[in-house]
Amino acid sequence: MRKRTVLTAFLATSLLAVPVAAHALTPQDRLNSDYLDDALTELHDTGLDAVIAEVRLGDEIWAEALGSRDIHGLTDAEPTDRFRIASLTKSMVATIIMQLEAEGKLDLDDPVQNHLPDLLPYEDDITVRQLLQHTGGLGDYGAKIYSGLFETGDPQSLRDNMWTRYSPEQHVSLIAGDPLLFEPGDAWAYSNTGYSVLGLLIEHIEGEALEDVFDQRIFEPLGLEDSYLAKQNHFFIRGTSLDAKIIFNSEDDPYVDTTGLSFSQLWAAGGAVSNPGDVNAFYAALSDGTLVTEEQFAEMLDTVATSPERPEYEYGLGLSTVALSCPSLPDGVVYGHSGGGLGHVSYSLHSLDGEKQVTVAWNTDDGMAPLDGLEEAIYEMFIVSLCHEDVNNLDVEAMAAELAAEQPLLNQVHDHR
């Protein structure tokens, strides 16, 4: 359930106009697979077991996979493989909340206590909007479940707890003994607990299990047959999927297999399963008016700064926005989310008009043992995907190295899960 800053250094960095001779694009072939193949190879070669991706440029689609879907290297991955999309789930929860608002079933500025009066042990009112935007002041239950992992890097903490089932109410009770981090609305702190509360709010209003609401409001209308919100008593992904593991800096204990992590620990904060194609289709439907109105989409993109130390990173309602300036992105910004589901890592970024999309995922979580070159390779993948039509005039490798030096991603990997 982590959120890593993606491409934040683009806020103050313009594209380098350095010609690249190879793989020239032509008007008849806007989506050049050679560039994308090279970028995905660079990403995989950093040490990932498998990496899968889909890039869309209008009606053109490129999809590819490299490496093994299982951690023993026996079966090749496919771009249609499913994975835990982790915090990308938050965009879906926010979408459902916006739909309920449009139907008059709630108001974003309602105190959540008006709907769930006995859930939160705080006197301060916390609104639905504040939970969506992580400005409610709630602590994070994930840090309680895996305190040993996040505080000392102890892999045994992960082994001891990954099979344990937690109800959404227990997510709240884990942080209930702590005071609010700040007065609601006064600051920003990423909170998976807040999205568990939102999941309970949706169930309360709809009178149905959250996984059924996801099906009825998102997956079935869009025909996303490889997507679902996992039930709380499930551990493994249905169908063909990527295994998952977290690697450690230890020769004696190099990794923990987290393929069977309890989905109850993720739920509304990160328990959805999908693949790159379905994820891209969801975000396209979010921006084109299928799932929410144009006005609601704009409201979801009304962002706040996350901290004085990271002024370039802003967060809206279940969506983050990142400034990215290149000639083929006239809005100068992309939106989406990132996620880390304790073994699966994913990023999904999109132009505001839905014309340019990229979703990439892998199954080697390096948060405890950063892989050399991974941050540069991530930048290269997103530069090539989102500024695809400009790549002939870019030195992508030099640009990615500059961005990685200015805003290293791996130092921020555990900011939010």
Foldseek 3Di string as FASTA:
>chain_A
DFFFDDQLLQVPDDFFQAFDDPQDDDPVRLQGVVLLVVLVVLQVVLPFQKKWKWKFFAPDIDTAMAHALEPVRDHGDGLFAKDFQFQLLLLLLLLVVQVCVVVVLDDQQDQLCVLVVPQAPDPAGAGNQLLLFQQQQFDALVCVQQVVCVVPVDVVSCVVRQQDFDALSNRRVSRRVDDRNDRRPPAHADYLNSQSSSLVSVCSSVVDHSQVVCCVQACVVLVQPFKTQDDQNFFARPDGHGWFWEAAPDPVQGIDGRRRGGLNVRGSSTRMMGGNVSSLSRVLCLLPCNRHHNVVSVQQAPWDARDPVSRSWTGGRSKTKHAHDDPVQVVRIWMGTWRDDNFKTKDWIARNNSSIIMIMMGGYHHLNPDRPPNQLSSQSSVCCRVVVSSVSRGPSSVVSVVSCVVPPRSVCRVSGD
